[in-house]
N, C-alpha and C. Protein backbone atom coordinates (compact mmCIF):
# COMPACT_ATOMS: atom_id res chain seq x y z
N MET A 1 116.23 33.13 196.75
CA MET A 1 116.03 34.06 197.83
C MET A 1 116.37 33.40 199.17
N LEU A 2 116.06 32.12 199.29
CA LEU A 2 116.37 31.42 200.53
C LEU A 2 117.87 31.37 200.74
N VAL A 3 118.62 31.09 199.71
CA VAL A 3 120.08 31.05 199.82
C VAL A 3 120.61 32.42 200.23
N GLN A 4 119.99 33.48 199.73
CA GLN A 4 120.44 34.83 200.05
C GLN A 4 120.20 35.19 201.50
N SER A 5 119.30 34.52 202.20
CA SER A 5 118.96 34.90 203.57
C SER A 5 119.56 34.01 204.64
N ILE A 6 120.36 33.04 204.28
CA ILE A 6 120.88 32.07 205.24
C ILE A 6 121.68 32.72 206.36
N ALA A 7 122.49 33.71 206.07
CA ALA A 7 123.38 34.28 207.08
C ALA A 7 122.67 35.10 208.15
N LEU A 8 121.39 35.36 208.02
CA LEU A 8 120.67 36.14 209.03
C LEU A 8 120.66 35.46 210.39
N ALA A 9 120.84 34.16 210.43
CA ALA A 9 120.86 33.44 211.70
C ALA A 9 122.11 33.76 212.52
N LEU A 10 123.10 34.39 211.95
CA LEU A 10 124.37 34.66 212.62
C LEU A 10 124.47 36.09 213.14
N LEU A 11 123.34 36.72 213.46
CA LEU A 11 123.36 38.13 213.82
C LEU A 11 124.10 38.42 215.13
N GLU A 12 124.38 37.40 215.95
CA GLU A 12 125.17 37.64 217.16
C GLU A 12 126.62 37.99 216.82
N ARG A 13 127.06 37.60 215.65
CA ARG A 13 128.42 37.89 215.21
C ARG A 13 128.34 38.76 213.96
N PRO A 14 128.22 40.08 214.13
CA PRO A 14 127.92 40.97 213.00
C PRO A 14 128.90 40.90 211.83
N LEU A 15 130.20 40.85 212.09
CA LEU A 15 131.16 40.81 210.99
C LEU A 15 131.00 39.52 210.19
N LEU A 16 130.90 38.40 210.88
CA LEU A 16 130.72 37.13 210.19
C LEU A 16 129.39 37.12 209.43
N ALA A 17 128.35 37.67 210.05
CA ALA A 17 127.05 37.74 209.37
C ALA A 17 127.14 38.61 208.12
N ASP A 18 127.86 39.72 208.20
CA ASP A 18 128.03 40.59 207.03
C ASP A 18 128.76 39.88 205.90
N ILE A 19 129.83 39.20 206.25
CA ILE A 19 130.61 38.50 205.23
C ILE A 19 129.79 37.38 204.59
N LEU A 20 129.15 36.57 205.43
CA LEU A 20 128.35 35.47 204.89
C LEU A 20 127.13 35.97 204.13
N SER A 21 126.53 37.06 204.61
CA SER A 21 125.38 37.62 203.90
C SER A 21 125.79 38.07 202.50
N ALA A 22 126.93 38.74 202.41
CA ALA A 22 127.42 39.18 201.10
C ALA A 22 127.72 37.98 200.20
N LEU A 23 128.32 36.95 200.78
CA LEU A 23 128.62 35.74 200.02
C LEU A 23 127.34 35.07 199.51
N PHE A 24 126.37 34.87 200.41
CA PHE A 24 125.13 34.21 200.01
C PHE A 24 124.29 35.09 199.08
N LEU A 25 124.35 36.41 199.27
CA LEU A 25 123.65 37.29 198.34
C LEU A 25 124.22 37.14 196.94
N GLY A 26 125.55 37.09 196.84
CA GLY A 26 126.19 36.90 195.54
C GLY A 26 125.86 35.55 194.93
N LEU A 27 125.88 34.50 195.74
CA LEU A 27 125.55 33.17 195.22
C LEU A 27 124.10 33.09 194.77
N GLY A 28 123.20 33.64 195.58
CA GLY A 28 121.78 33.61 195.22
C GLY A 28 121.50 34.41 193.95
N THR A 29 122.14 35.57 193.84
CA THR A 29 121.96 36.38 192.63
C THR A 29 122.54 35.66 191.42
N ALA A 30 123.67 35.00 191.60
CA ALA A 30 124.28 34.27 190.49
C ALA A 30 123.39 33.13 190.00
N MET A 31 122.59 32.56 190.90
CA MET A 31 121.68 31.48 190.49
C MET A 31 120.41 32.03 189.83
N VAL A 32 119.95 33.19 190.28
CA VAL A 32 118.68 33.73 189.79
C VAL A 32 118.84 34.53 188.50
N TYR A 33 119.88 35.33 188.41
CA TYR A 33 120.01 36.28 187.31
C TYR A 33 120.00 35.63 185.93
N PRO A 34 120.77 34.57 185.67
CA PRO A 34 120.72 33.96 184.33
C PRO A 34 119.33 33.41 183.99
N ALA A 35 118.63 32.89 184.98
CA ALA A 35 117.29 32.37 184.73
C ALA A 35 116.32 33.49 184.35
N LEU A 36 116.46 34.65 184.96
CA LEU A 36 115.59 35.78 184.62
C LEU A 36 115.84 36.25 183.18
N ILE A 37 117.10 36.39 182.83
CA ILE A 37 117.43 36.81 181.47
C ILE A 37 116.95 35.77 180.45
N ALA A 38 117.13 34.49 180.75
CA ALA A 38 116.68 33.43 179.85
C ALA A 38 115.16 33.44 179.71
N SER A 39 114.46 33.73 180.79
CA SER A 39 113.01 33.80 180.75
C SER A 39 112.54 34.94 179.84
N ILE A 40 113.15 36.10 180.00
CA ILE A 40 112.79 37.24 179.14
C ILE A 40 113.11 36.90 177.68
N SER A 41 114.27 36.35 177.43
CA SER A 41 114.65 35.99 176.06
C SER A 41 113.72 34.95 175.47
N GLY A 42 113.33 33.99 176.29
CA GLY A 42 112.46 32.92 175.81
C GLY A 42 111.05 33.38 175.46
N HIS A 43 110.58 34.43 176.12
CA HIS A 43 109.23 34.93 175.86
C HIS A 43 109.18 36.00 174.79
N ALA A 44 110.31 36.55 174.43
CA ALA A 44 110.35 37.65 173.46
C ALA A 44 110.54 37.11 172.05
N HIS A 45 109.82 37.69 171.13
CA HIS A 45 110.01 37.36 169.72
C HIS A 45 111.39 37.83 169.29
N PRO A 46 112.09 37.08 168.44
CA PRO A 46 113.46 37.46 168.05
C PRO A 46 113.59 38.88 167.52
N THR A 47 112.57 39.41 166.85
CA THR A 47 112.70 40.76 166.29
C THR A 47 112.64 41.85 167.34
N TRP A 48 112.06 41.57 168.52
CA TRP A 48 112.02 42.59 169.57
C TRP A 48 112.67 42.13 170.87
N ARG A 49 113.50 41.09 170.78
CA ARG A 49 114.18 40.56 171.98
C ARG A 49 115.11 41.59 172.61
N ALA A 50 115.88 42.31 171.81
CA ALA A 50 116.80 43.31 172.36
C ALA A 50 116.04 44.40 173.12
N ASN A 51 114.91 44.85 172.55
CA ASN A 51 114.11 45.86 173.25
C ASN A 51 113.53 45.31 174.55
N ALA A 52 113.09 44.05 174.53
CA ALA A 52 112.54 43.44 175.75
C ALA A 52 113.60 43.35 176.84
N LEU A 53 114.80 42.90 176.48
CA LEU A 53 115.87 42.81 177.47
C LEU A 53 116.28 44.18 177.98
N GLY A 54 116.35 45.16 177.10
CA GLY A 54 116.68 46.53 177.53
C GLY A 54 115.64 47.09 178.47
N THR A 55 114.37 46.86 178.17
CA THR A 55 113.30 47.34 179.04
C THR A 55 113.35 46.65 180.40
N TYR A 56 113.54 45.34 180.39
CA TYR A 56 113.65 44.58 181.65
C TYR A 56 114.80 45.12 182.49
N ARG A 57 115.96 45.28 181.88
CA ARG A 57 117.13 45.74 182.64
C ARG A 57 116.96 47.17 183.14
N PHE A 58 116.30 48.03 182.35
CA PHE A 58 116.05 49.40 182.80
C PHE A 58 115.21 49.41 184.07
N TRP A 59 114.08 48.69 184.04
CA TRP A 59 113.19 48.68 185.21
C TRP A 59 113.82 47.95 186.38
N ARG A 60 114.62 46.93 186.13
CA ARG A 60 115.32 46.24 187.21
C ARG A 60 116.30 47.20 187.90
N ASP A 61 117.06 47.96 187.11
CA ASP A 61 118.02 48.90 187.68
C ASP A 61 117.32 50.05 188.41
N ILE A 62 116.20 50.52 187.88
CA ILE A 62 115.42 51.55 188.59
C ILE A 62 114.94 50.97 189.93
N GLY A 63 114.56 49.71 189.92
CA GLY A 63 114.14 49.06 191.17
C GLY A 63 115.25 48.98 192.19
N TYR A 64 116.48 48.72 191.73
CA TYR A 64 117.62 48.70 192.65
C TYR A 64 117.80 50.07 193.31
N ALA A 65 117.75 51.12 192.52
CA ALA A 65 117.95 52.47 193.05
C ALA A 65 116.80 52.88 193.97
N ALA A 66 115.58 52.68 193.50
CA ALA A 66 114.41 53.07 194.31
C ALA A 66 114.32 52.20 195.56
N GLY A 67 114.60 50.91 195.42
CA GLY A 67 114.56 50.02 196.57
C GLY A 67 115.56 50.41 197.64
N ALA A 68 116.75 50.80 197.23
CA ALA A 68 117.76 51.22 198.20
C ALA A 68 117.33 52.49 198.93
N LEU A 69 116.77 53.43 198.19
CA LEU A 69 116.30 54.67 198.82
C LEU A 69 115.16 54.40 199.79
N ILE A 70 114.19 53.61 199.36
CA ILE A 70 113.05 53.30 200.22
C ILE A 70 113.50 52.51 201.45
N ALA A 71 114.40 51.55 201.26
CA ALA A 71 114.91 50.77 202.39
C ALA A 71 115.66 51.68 203.38
N GLY A 72 116.42 52.62 202.87
CA GLY A 72 117.13 53.55 203.75
C GLY A 72 116.18 54.41 204.55
N ILE A 73 115.13 54.90 203.90
CA ILE A 73 114.13 55.71 204.60
C ILE A 73 113.41 54.88 205.66
N LEU A 74 113.00 53.66 205.29
CA LEU A 74 112.34 52.78 206.26
C LEU A 74 113.26 52.46 207.44
N ALA A 75 114.53 52.21 207.16
CA ALA A 75 115.48 51.89 208.22
C ALA A 75 115.64 53.07 209.18
N ASP A 76 115.67 54.29 208.64
CA ASP A 76 115.76 55.47 209.50
C ASP A 76 114.49 55.65 210.34
N LEU A 77 113.34 55.41 209.72
CA LEU A 77 112.07 55.64 210.42
C LEU A 77 111.69 54.51 211.37
N LEU A 78 111.87 53.26 210.94
CA LEU A 78 111.34 52.12 211.69
C LEU A 78 112.40 51.18 212.24
N GLY A 79 113.64 51.30 211.79
CA GLY A 79 114.70 50.41 212.23
C GLY A 79 115.00 49.34 211.19
N LEU A 80 116.16 48.72 211.35
CA LEU A 80 116.63 47.74 210.38
C LEU A 80 115.78 46.48 210.37
N ASN A 81 115.38 46.00 211.54
CA ASN A 81 114.56 44.78 211.58
C ASN A 81 113.24 44.96 210.84
N ALA A 82 112.59 46.10 211.04
CA ALA A 82 111.32 46.36 210.34
C ALA A 82 111.54 46.45 208.83
N THR A 83 112.66 46.99 208.42
CA THR A 83 112.97 47.10 206.99
C THR A 83 113.17 45.72 206.37
N VAL A 84 113.89 44.84 207.05
CA VAL A 84 114.11 43.48 206.54
C VAL A 84 112.78 42.73 206.48
N ILE A 85 111.95 42.89 207.49
CA ILE A 85 110.63 42.25 207.49
C ILE A 85 109.77 42.78 206.35
N ALA A 86 109.80 44.09 206.13
CA ALA A 86 109.02 44.68 205.02
C ALA A 86 109.49 44.13 203.68
N ALA A 87 110.79 44.00 203.49
CA ALA A 87 111.31 43.44 202.24
C ALA A 87 110.87 41.99 202.07
N ALA A 88 110.90 41.22 203.16
CA ALA A 88 110.47 39.82 203.08
C ALA A 88 108.98 39.72 202.76
N VAL A 89 108.17 40.57 203.37
CA VAL A 89 106.72 40.54 203.11
C VAL A 89 106.43 40.93 201.66
N LEU A 90 107.10 41.97 201.16
CA LEU A 90 106.88 42.38 199.77
C LEU A 90 107.31 41.29 198.80
N THR A 91 108.43 40.63 199.08
CA THR A 91 108.90 39.55 198.22
C THR A 91 107.92 38.38 198.25
N ALA A 92 107.45 38.01 199.43
CA ALA A 92 106.50 36.90 199.56
C ALA A 92 105.18 37.25 198.88
N ALA A 93 104.72 38.48 199.02
CA ALA A 93 103.46 38.89 198.38
C ALA A 93 103.58 38.82 196.87
N ARG A 94 104.71 39.22 196.34
CA ARG A 94 104.91 39.17 194.89
C ARG A 94 104.97 37.71 194.42
N TRP A 95 105.64 36.87 195.18
CA TRP A 95 105.77 35.46 194.83
C TRP A 95 104.43 34.75 194.88
N ILE A 96 103.62 35.06 195.87
CA ILE A 96 102.32 34.40 196.04
C ILE A 96 101.33 34.83 194.96
N THR A 97 101.38 36.11 194.55
CA THR A 97 100.40 36.61 193.58
C THR A 97 100.84 36.45 192.14
N GLU A 98 102.06 35.99 191.91
CA GLU A 98 102.57 35.82 190.55
C GLU A 98 101.82 34.68 189.85
N PRO A 99 101.27 34.95 188.68
CA PRO A 99 100.54 33.88 187.98
C PRO A 99 101.48 32.77 187.53
N ARG A 100 100.99 31.57 187.58
CA ARG A 100 101.78 30.42 187.13
C ARG A 100 101.69 30.29 185.62
N SER A 101 102.84 30.03 185.01
CA SER A 101 102.87 29.95 183.55
C SER A 101 102.55 28.52 183.06
N ASP A 102 102.54 27.54 183.97
CA ASP A 102 102.33 26.18 183.55
C ASP A 102 100.87 25.70 183.76
N THR A 103 99.96 26.65 184.02
CA THR A 103 98.55 26.25 184.19
C THR A 103 97.95 25.93 182.83
N ARG A 104 97.03 24.98 182.81
CA ARG A 104 96.44 24.60 181.53
C ARG A 104 94.96 24.70 181.58
C-alpha cells in the first residue's frame, strides 16, 4: 500500500502524478496480489481450495465495484481529498484490527 501511494507527493504536477500513481498502483498490486492468492490457497484444504479461491475472488471483485461507487459518491459530496483520506483511514483501520496469525 505504501508503494501505491508514493506519487501523491507530486500533486503540483497532475499529469506526472497521474502517470506515477498508475505505475505505483500497478507495482503495488503486482506485489500484493500473488501473496493474497497464496494465502488463500495455503489456508484452504485441497478438496475445497477451488471454492475458497472462487469465493475470495467474487467478494474481492464486488469490493472493487462497490468501492468505486462509494468513492465516486464521496468525491461528489465531500471532494477528492476527503475521499482519499477516508480510503486511507478505512485501510489503516482494517490493518490495525486484523488478527495476527503468528500469535502463540
